[in-house]
């Protein structure tokens, strides 16, 4: 099973983009079923800092997401992205969890289904369906595996 997994670590957003180009070439040769990008926004947040670079960051992020969508459609592969959350100062006093996904609308519009995971009581984890074309907004509680 482990010989069916390919792993790569990117060090900059440009390196991540180049890895995707190489992966697409490999997908021509052999079938893939799942592509996981852990923390899609992390390298963009490192490589582009401050409000002055926000527009360029969002443009480069949109290009990367467009590449991922093209890979998903061309090779019939599921793409699973993880993301980071940031505090939302506009969340207000009455919001119980003042966090929002990083990446803004660019990332939200490129995703078909968006889920948010958070800690519950004790070892519980809560998954909230944020946005899905065929599911209502809802939450589910999971318990750790024994």
N, C-alpha and C. Protein backbone atom coordinates (compact mmCIF):
# COMPACT_ATOMS: atom_id res chain seq x y z
N UNK A 1 0.82 -1.19 0.00
CA UNK A 1 0.00 0.00 0.00
C UNK A 1 0.86 1.26 0.00
N UNK A 2 1.93 1.28 0.82
CA UNK A 2 2.77 2.47 0.90
C UNK A 2 3.46 2.77 -0.43
N UNK A 3 3.68 1.75 -1.25
CA UNK A 3 4.32 1.99 -2.55
C UNK A 3 3.36 2.65 -3.53
N UNK A 4 2.11 2.83 -3.15
CA UNK A 4 1.13 3.51 -4.00
C UNK A 4 0.94 4.97 -3.60
N UNK A 5 1.76 5.45 -2.68
CA UNK A 5 1.66 6.82 -2.20
C UNK A 5 2.89 7.60 -2.64
N UNK A 6 2.65 8.76 -3.20
CA UNK A 6 3.73 9.67 -3.57
C UNK A 6 3.62 10.88 -2.66
N UNK A 7 4.76 11.27 -2.09
CA UNK A 7 4.79 12.38 -1.15
C UNK A 7 5.82 13.40 -1.61
N UNK A 8 5.48 14.66 -1.51
CA UNK A 8 6.43 15.72 -1.81
C UNK A 8 6.19 16.87 -0.85
N UNK A 9 7.25 17.54 -0.49
CA UNK A 9 7.13 18.71 0.39
C UNK A 9 7.58 19.95 -0.37
N UNK A 10 6.74 20.96 -0.37
CA UNK A 10 7.05 22.21 -1.04
C UNK A 10 7.61 23.21 -0.03
N UNK A 11 8.51 24.08 -0.48
CA UNK A 11 9.13 25.04 0.41
C UNK A 11 8.75 26.49 0.09
N UNK A 12 8.19 26.71 -1.09
CA UNK A 12 7.68 28.03 -1.45
C UNK A 12 6.42 27.79 -2.29
N UNK A 13 5.63 28.82 -2.49
CA UNK A 13 4.44 28.63 -3.31
C UNK A 13 4.84 28.31 -4.75
N UNK A 14 5.97 28.86 -5.23
CA UNK A 14 6.43 28.54 -6.59
C UNK A 14 6.84 27.08 -6.69
N UNK A 15 7.52 26.57 -5.66
CA UNK A 15 7.92 25.17 -5.62
C UNK A 15 6.67 24.28 -5.62
N UNK A 16 5.67 24.67 -4.87
CA UNK A 16 4.41 23.91 -4.83
C UNK A 16 3.76 23.87 -6.22
N UNK A 17 3.76 24.99 -6.92
CA UNK A 17 3.20 25.06 -8.26
C UNK A 17 3.98 24.15 -9.22
N UNK A 18 5.30 24.17 -9.12
CA UNK A 18 6.13 23.31 -9.97
C UNK A 18 5.92 21.83 -9.67
N UNK A 19 5.72 21.51 -8.39
CA UNK A 19 5.42 20.11 -8.04
C UNK A 19 4.11 19.66 -8.69
N UNK A 20 3.12 20.55 -8.74
CA UNK A 20 1.85 20.20 -9.38
C UNK A 20 2.02 19.97 -10.87
N UNK A 21 2.87 20.74 -11.52
CA UNK A 21 3.14 20.54 -12.94
C UNK A 21 3.78 19.17 -13.17
N UNK A 22 4.74 18.81 -12.33
CA UNK A 22 5.38 17.50 -12.43
C UNK A 22 4.42 16.37 -12.13
N UNK A 23 3.56 16.58 -11.18
CA UNK A 23 2.57 15.56 -10.82
C UNK A 23 1.60 15.31 -11.96
N UNK A 24 1.18 16.39 -12.62
CA UNK A 24 0.27 16.24 -13.76
C UNK A 24 0.93 15.40 -14.85
N UNK A 25 2.21 15.58 -15.08
CA UNK A 25 2.93 14.77 -16.08
C UNK A 25 2.95 13.30 -15.65
N UNK A 26 3.10 13.06 -14.35
CA UNK A 26 3.10 11.67 -13.84
C UNK A 26 1.72 11.03 -13.95
N UNK A 27 0.68 11.84 -13.79
CA UNK A 27 -0.69 11.33 -13.87
C UNK A 27 -1.04 10.85 -15.27
N UNK A 28 -0.34 11.36 -16.26
CA UNK A 28 -0.55 10.90 -17.63
C UNK A 28 -0.12 9.44 -17.74
N UNK A 29 0.93 9.07 -17.01
CA UNK A 29 1.50 7.72 -17.07
C UNK A 29 0.74 6.70 -16.23
N UNK A 30 0.25 7.09 -15.08
CA UNK A 30 -0.43 6.15 -14.19
C UNK A 30 -1.61 6.84 -13.50
N UNK A 31 -2.66 6.07 -13.20
CA UNK A 31 -3.85 6.68 -12.60
C UNK A 31 -3.66 7.03 -11.13
N UNK A 32 -4.21 8.14 -10.74
CA UNK A 32 -4.25 8.57 -9.35
C UNK A 32 -5.72 8.70 -8.96
N UNK A 33 -6.04 8.56 -7.69
CA UNK A 33 -7.41 8.70 -7.22
C UNK A 33 -7.60 9.89 -6.30
N UNK A 34 -6.52 10.27 -5.60
CA UNK A 34 -6.64 11.31 -4.58
C UNK A 34 -5.37 12.15 -4.56
N UNK A 35 -5.55 13.46 -4.51
CA UNK A 35 -4.45 14.41 -4.35
C UNK A 35 -4.75 15.23 -3.11
N UNK A 36 -3.84 15.20 -2.15
CA UNK A 36 -4.01 15.95 -0.90
C UNK A 36 -2.98 17.06 -0.85
N UNK A 37 -3.45 18.27 -0.63
CA UNK A 37 -2.56 19.42 -0.43
C UNK A 37 -2.80 19.89 1.01
N UNK A 38 -1.81 19.65 1.85
CA UNK A 38 -1.95 20.00 3.26
C UNK A 38 -1.60 21.46 3.46
N UNK A 39 -2.55 22.21 3.91
CA UNK A 39 -2.44 23.64 4.18
C UNK A 39 -2.10 24.44 2.92
N UNK A 40 -3.06 24.51 2.03
CA UNK A 40 -2.91 25.18 0.74
C UNK A 40 -2.44 26.63 0.90
N UNK A 41 -2.83 27.29 1.95
CA UNK A 41 -2.53 28.72 2.09
C UNK A 41 -1.22 29.00 2.81
N UNK A 42 -0.66 28.01 3.50
CA UNK A 42 0.51 28.24 4.37
C UNK A 42 1.67 28.91 3.65
N UNK A 43 2.08 28.38 2.51
CA UNK A 43 3.24 28.95 1.81
C UNK A 43 2.94 30.34 1.26
N UNK A 44 1.70 30.57 0.88
CA UNK A 44 1.33 31.90 0.39
C UNK A 44 1.41 32.92 1.52
N UNK A 45 1.02 32.53 2.71
CA UNK A 45 1.07 33.44 3.86
C UNK A 45 2.50 33.75 4.25
N UNK A 46 3.43 32.82 4.00
CA UNK A 46 4.84 33.05 4.30
C UNK A 46 5.48 33.91 3.22
N UNK A 47 5.22 33.56 1.95
CA UNK A 47 5.88 34.24 0.83
C UNK A 47 5.32 35.63 0.54
N UNK A 48 4.08 35.89 0.95
CA UNK A 48 3.47 37.21 0.74
C UNK A 48 2.99 37.71 2.09
N UNK A 49 3.62 38.76 2.58
CA UNK A 49 3.22 39.25 3.90
C UNK A 49 2.72 40.69 3.79
N UNK A 50 1.79 41.01 4.61
CA UNK A 50 1.27 42.37 4.67
C UNK A 50 0.20 42.66 3.62
N UNK A 51 -0.54 43.71 3.85
CA UNK A 51 -1.63 44.10 2.96
C UNK A 51 -1.15 44.54 1.58
N UNK A 52 0.08 45.04 1.52
CA UNK A 52 0.63 45.50 0.25
C UNK A 52 0.80 44.39 -0.78
N UNK A 53 0.95 43.16 -0.29
CA UNK A 53 1.14 42.01 -1.18
C UNK A 53 -0.10 41.13 -1.28
N UNK A 54 -1.19 41.56 -0.65
CA UNK A 54 -2.40 40.75 -0.62
C UNK A 54 -2.97 40.48 -2.01
N UNK A 55 -3.04 41.48 -2.86
CA UNK A 55 -3.60 41.31 -4.20
C UNK A 55 -2.79 40.30 -5.01
N UNK A 56 -1.46 40.41 -4.93
CA UNK A 56 -0.60 39.46 -5.67
C UNK A 56 -0.75 38.06 -5.11
N UNK A 57 -0.82 37.96 -3.78
CA UNK A 57 -1.00 36.65 -3.14
C UNK A 57 -2.28 35.99 -3.61
N UNK A 58 -3.38 36.73 -3.61
CA UNK A 58 -4.67 36.17 -4.02
C UNK A 58 -4.65 35.79 -5.49
N UNK A 59 -3.96 36.55 -6.32
CA UNK A 59 -3.85 36.22 -7.73
C UNK A 59 -3.06 34.92 -7.92
N UNK A 60 -1.96 34.77 -7.23
CA UNK A 60 -1.14 33.55 -7.33
C UNK A 60 -1.90 32.35 -6.75
N UNK A 61 -2.64 32.57 -5.67
CA UNK A 61 -3.46 31.50 -5.09
C UNK A 61 -4.53 31.06 -6.08
N UNK A 62 -5.16 32.01 -6.75
CA UNK A 62 -6.18 31.69 -7.75
C UNK A 62 -5.59 30.87 -8.89
N UNK A 63 -4.37 31.21 -9.30
CA UNK A 63 -3.71 30.43 -10.36
C UNK A 63 -3.45 29.00 -9.90
N UNK A 64 -3.01 28.83 -8.66
CA UNK A 64 -2.75 27.49 -8.12
C UNK A 64 -4.05 26.70 -8.04
N UNK A 65 -5.12 27.33 -7.57
CA UNK A 65 -6.41 26.65 -7.47
C UNK A 65 -6.95 26.28 -8.85
N UNK A 66 -6.74 27.13 -9.81
CA UNK A 66 -7.15 26.84 -11.18
C UNK A 66 -6.40 25.62 -11.71
N UNK A 67 -5.12 25.52 -11.39
CA UNK A 67 -4.32 24.35 -11.79
C UNK A 67 -4.86 23.09 -11.13
N UNK A 68 -5.21 23.17 -9.86
CA UNK A 68 -5.76 22.01 -9.14
C UNK A 68 -7.10 21.58 -9.73
N UNK A 69 -7.94 22.53 -10.07
CA UNK A 69 -9.24 22.21 -10.67
C UNK A 69 -9.03 21.53 -12.02
N UNK A 70 -8.08 22.02 -12.79
CA UNK A 70 -7.79 21.43 -14.10
C UNK A 70 -7.29 19.99 -13.93
N UNK A 71 -6.41 19.77 -12.96
CA UNK A 71 -5.90 18.41 -12.69
C UNK A 71 -7.05 17.50 -12.29
N UNK A 72 -7.93 17.99 -11.40
CA UNK A 72 -9.07 17.18 -10.94
C UNK A 72 -9.95 16.76 -12.11
N UNK A 73 -10.25 17.70 -12.99
CA UNK A 73 -11.14 17.42 -14.12
C UNK A 73 -10.47 16.56 -15.19
N UNK A 74 -9.22 16.88 -15.51
CA UNK A 74 -8.52 16.18 -16.58
C UNK A 74 -8.21 14.73 -16.23
N UNK A 75 -7.85 14.49 -14.96
CA UNK A 75 -7.43 13.15 -14.56
C UNK A 75 -8.45 12.44 -13.67
N UNK A 76 -9.61 13.05 -13.49
CA UNK A 76 -10.67 12.45 -12.68
C UNK A 76 -10.16 12.04 -11.29
N UNK A 77 -9.50 12.97 -10.65
CA UNK A 77 -8.93 12.72 -9.33
C UNK A 77 -9.60 13.66 -8.31
N UNK A 78 -9.85 13.14 -7.12
CA UNK A 78 -10.39 13.97 -6.04
C UNK A 78 -9.25 14.80 -5.44
N UNK A 79 -9.52 16.06 -5.19
CA UNK A 79 -8.52 16.95 -4.58
C UNK A 79 -9.04 17.35 -3.21
N UNK A 80 -8.24 17.08 -2.20
CA UNK A 80 -8.59 17.39 -0.82
C UNK A 80 -7.59 18.42 -0.31
N UNK A 81 -8.07 19.58 0.06
CA UNK A 81 -7.22 20.66 0.55
C UNK A 81 -7.48 20.87 2.03
N UNK A 82 -6.41 21.05 2.80
CA UNK A 82 -6.58 21.54 4.16
C UNK A 82 -6.19 23.01 4.14
N UNK A 83 -6.64 23.72 5.14
CA UNK A 83 -6.42 25.16 5.18
C UNK A 83 -6.13 25.57 6.61
N UNK A 84 -5.79 26.82 6.79
CA UNK A 84 -5.60 27.39 8.10
C UNK A 84 -6.78 28.29 8.41
N UNK A 85 -6.97 28.57 9.69
CA UNK A 85 -7.99 29.54 10.08
C UNK A 85 -7.30 30.76 10.68
N UNK A 86 -7.98 31.88 10.60
CA UNK A 86 -7.48 33.12 11.18
C UNK A 86 -8.57 33.70 12.07
N UNK A 87 -8.16 34.53 13.01
CA UNK A 87 -9.18 35.17 13.84
C UNK A 87 -9.90 36.23 13.02
N UNK A 88 -11.17 36.36 13.27
CA UNK A 88 -12.01 37.30 12.54
C UNK A 88 -12.42 38.42 13.49
N UNK A 89 -11.73 39.56 13.45
CA UNK A 89 -12.07 40.65 14.37
C UNK A 89 -13.47 41.19 14.13
N UNK A 90 -14.02 40.96 12.95
CA UNK A 90 -15.38 41.42 12.65
C UNK A 90 -16.42 40.42 13.14
N UNK A 91 -15.96 39.32 13.75
CA UNK A 91 -16.87 38.27 14.21
C UNK A 91 -17.85 38.75 15.25
N UNK A 92 -17.47 39.73 16.04
CA UNK A 92 -18.38 40.29 17.03
C UNK A 92 -18.33 39.59 18.37
N UNK A 93 -18.98 40.18 19.32
CA UNK A 93 -18.97 39.67 20.69
C UNK A 93 -19.82 38.41 20.84
N UNK A 94 -20.88 38.30 20.07
CA UNK A 94 -21.82 37.20 20.25
C UNK A 94 -21.48 35.96 19.43
N UNK A 95 -20.40 35.99 18.69
CA UNK A 95 -19.98 34.83 17.91
C UNK A 95 -19.17 33.92 18.81
N UNK A 96 -19.56 32.64 18.88
CA UNK A 96 -18.90 31.70 19.78
C UNK A 96 -17.52 31.28 19.29
N UNK A 97 -17.28 31.26 17.98
CA UNK A 97 -16.00 30.85 17.45
C UNK A 97 -15.56 31.87 16.40
N UNK A 98 -14.83 32.90 16.83
CA UNK A 98 -14.50 34.00 15.91
C UNK A 98 -13.32 33.66 14.97
N UNK A 99 -13.38 32.52 14.31
CA UNK A 99 -12.34 32.13 13.36
C UNK A 99 -12.97 32.00 11.99
N UNK A 100 -12.17 32.26 10.97
CA UNK A 100 -12.64 32.07 9.61
C UNK A 100 -11.51 31.47 8.79
N UNK A 101 -11.84 30.81 7.70
CA UNK A 101 -10.79 30.21 6.87
C UNK A 101 -9.90 31.28 6.25
N UNK A 102 -8.61 31.02 6.19
CA UNK A 102 -7.69 31.92 5.50
C UNK A 102 -7.87 31.75 3.99
N UNK A 103 -7.47 32.74 3.23
CA UNK A 103 -7.55 32.62 1.78
C UNK A 103 -8.70 33.36 1.15
N UNK A 104 -9.65 33.76 1.95
CA UNK A 104 -10.75 34.58 1.46
C UNK A 104 -11.64 33.93 0.43
N UNK A 105 -12.29 34.78 -0.36
CA UNK A 105 -13.28 34.31 -1.34
C UNK A 105 -12.67 33.50 -2.46
N UNK A 106 -11.41 33.76 -2.80
CA UNK A 106 -10.75 33.02 -3.87
C UNK A 106 -10.75 31.53 -3.55
N UNK A 107 -10.38 31.20 -2.34
CA UNK A 107 -10.34 29.80 -1.92
C UNK A 107 -11.75 29.23 -1.76
N UNK A 108 -12.65 30.02 -1.22
CA UNK A 108 -14.02 29.56 -1.00
C UNK A 108 -14.71 29.22 -2.32
N UNK A 109 -14.53 30.06 -3.34
CA UNK A 109 -15.20 29.84 -4.62
C UNK A 109 -14.61 28.68 -5.40
N UNK A 110 -13.36 28.33 -5.13
CA UNK A 110 -12.72 27.23 -5.85
C UNK A 110 -13.08 25.87 -5.24
N UNK A 111 -13.68 25.87 -4.06
CA UNK A 111 -13.99 24.62 -3.36
C UNK A 111 -15.44 24.22 -3.60
N UNK A 112 -15.65 22.92 -3.78
CA UNK A 112 -17.01 22.41 -3.95
C UNK A 112 -17.65 22.16 -2.60
N UNK A 113 -16.91 21.54 -1.69
CA UNK A 113 -17.41 21.25 -0.35
C UNK A 113 -16.41 21.81 0.65
N UNK A 114 -16.93 22.55 1.62
CA UNK A 114 -16.07 23.10 2.67
C UNK A 114 -16.53 22.59 4.02
N UNK A 115 -15.59 22.02 4.77
CA UNK A 115 -15.84 21.51 6.12
C UNK A 115 -14.94 22.24 7.08
N UNK A 116 -15.40 22.42 8.32
CA UNK A 116 -14.55 23.00 9.35
C UNK A 116 -14.55 22.05 10.54
N UNK A 117 -13.37 21.71 11.01
CA UNK A 117 -13.22 20.84 12.16
C UNK A 117 -12.77 21.66 13.36
N UNK A 118 -13.29 21.32 14.53
CA UNK A 118 -12.86 21.99 15.76
C UNK A 118 -12.96 21.01 16.92
N UNK A 119 -12.29 21.35 18.00
CA UNK A 119 -12.35 20.53 19.20
C UNK A 119 -13.69 20.72 19.87
N UNK A 120 -14.19 19.64 20.43
CA UNK A 120 -15.40 19.69 21.24
C UNK A 120 -15.02 19.47 22.69
N UNK A 121 -15.93 18.89 23.46
CA UNK A 121 -15.65 18.60 24.86
C UNK A 121 -14.75 17.37 24.96
N UNK A 122 -13.74 17.46 25.79
CA UNK A 122 -12.84 16.33 25.99
C UNK A 122 -12.15 15.93 24.69
N UNK A 123 -12.35 14.69 24.30
CA UNK A 123 -11.71 14.16 23.09
C UNK A 123 -12.60 14.28 21.85
N UNK A 124 -13.75 14.90 21.98
CA UNK A 124 -14.65 15.03 20.84
C UNK A 124 -14.09 15.98 19.79
N UNK A 125 -14.43 15.69 18.55
CA UNK A 125 -14.13 16.59 17.44
C UNK A 125 -15.44 16.86 16.72
N UNK A 126 -15.62 18.09 16.29
CA UNK A 126 -16.86 18.48 15.63
C UNK A 126 -16.54 18.89 14.20
N UNK A 127 -17.30 18.34 13.27
CA UNK A 127 -17.16 18.68 11.87
C UNK A 127 -18.41 19.43 11.45
N UNK A 128 -18.21 20.62 10.89
CA UNK A 128 -19.34 21.42 10.42
C UNK A 128 -19.30 21.48 8.90
N UNK A 129 -20.41 21.17 8.28
CA UNK A 129 -20.54 21.35 6.83
C UNK A 129 -20.78 22.83 6.62
N UNK A 130 -19.81 23.49 6.07
CA UNK A 130 -19.86 24.93 5.84
C UNK A 130 -20.59 25.24 4.55
N UNK A 131 -20.25 24.48 3.53
CA UNK A 131 -20.83 24.72 2.22
C UNK A 131 -20.72 23.44 1.40
N UNK A 132 -21.83 22.98 0.87
CA UNK A 132 -21.87 21.80 0.02
C UNK A 132 -23.10 21.90 -0.87
N UNK A 133 -22.97 21.55 -2.13
CA UNK A 133 -24.10 21.70 -3.04
C UNK A 133 -25.30 20.81 -2.71
N UNK A 134 -25.05 19.68 -2.05
CA UNK A 134 -26.13 18.73 -1.81
C UNK A 134 -26.39 18.46 -0.32
N UNK A 135 -25.79 19.26 0.56
CA UNK A 135 -25.97 19.05 1.99
C UNK A 135 -26.32 20.37 2.68
N UNK A 136 -27.20 20.32 3.69
CA UNK A 136 -27.48 21.53 4.44
C UNK A 136 -26.33 21.83 5.41
N UNK A 137 -26.23 23.07 5.87
CA UNK A 137 -25.25 23.40 6.88
C UNK A 137 -25.63 22.63 8.14
N UNK A 138 -24.68 21.85 8.66
CA UNK A 138 -24.96 21.02 9.83
C UNK A 138 -23.65 20.65 10.51
N UNK A 139 -23.76 20.08 11.71
CA UNK A 139 -22.58 19.64 12.46
C UNK A 139 -22.73 18.18 12.84
N UNK A 140 -21.58 17.50 12.96
CA UNK A 140 -21.54 16.11 13.44
C UNK A 140 -20.42 16.00 14.45
N UNK A 141 -20.65 15.22 15.49
CA UNK A 141 -19.66 15.02 16.55
C UNK A 141 -19.03 13.66 16.34
N UNK A 142 -17.69 13.62 16.45
CA UNK A 142 -17.00 12.35 16.34
C UNK A 142 -16.23 12.09 17.61
N UNK A 143 -16.02 10.84 17.91
CA UNK A 143 -15.27 10.44 19.09
C UNK A 143 -13.98 9.79 18.62
N UNK A 144 -12.91 9.88 19.42
CA UNK A 144 -11.63 9.31 19.00
C UNK A 144 -11.73 7.79 18.87
N UNK A 145 -10.85 7.28 18.03
CA UNK A 145 -10.79 5.84 17.85
C UNK A 145 -10.12 5.21 19.06
N UNK A 146 -10.60 4.05 19.43
CA UNK A 146 -10.03 3.37 20.61
C UNK A 146 -8.84 2.54 20.23
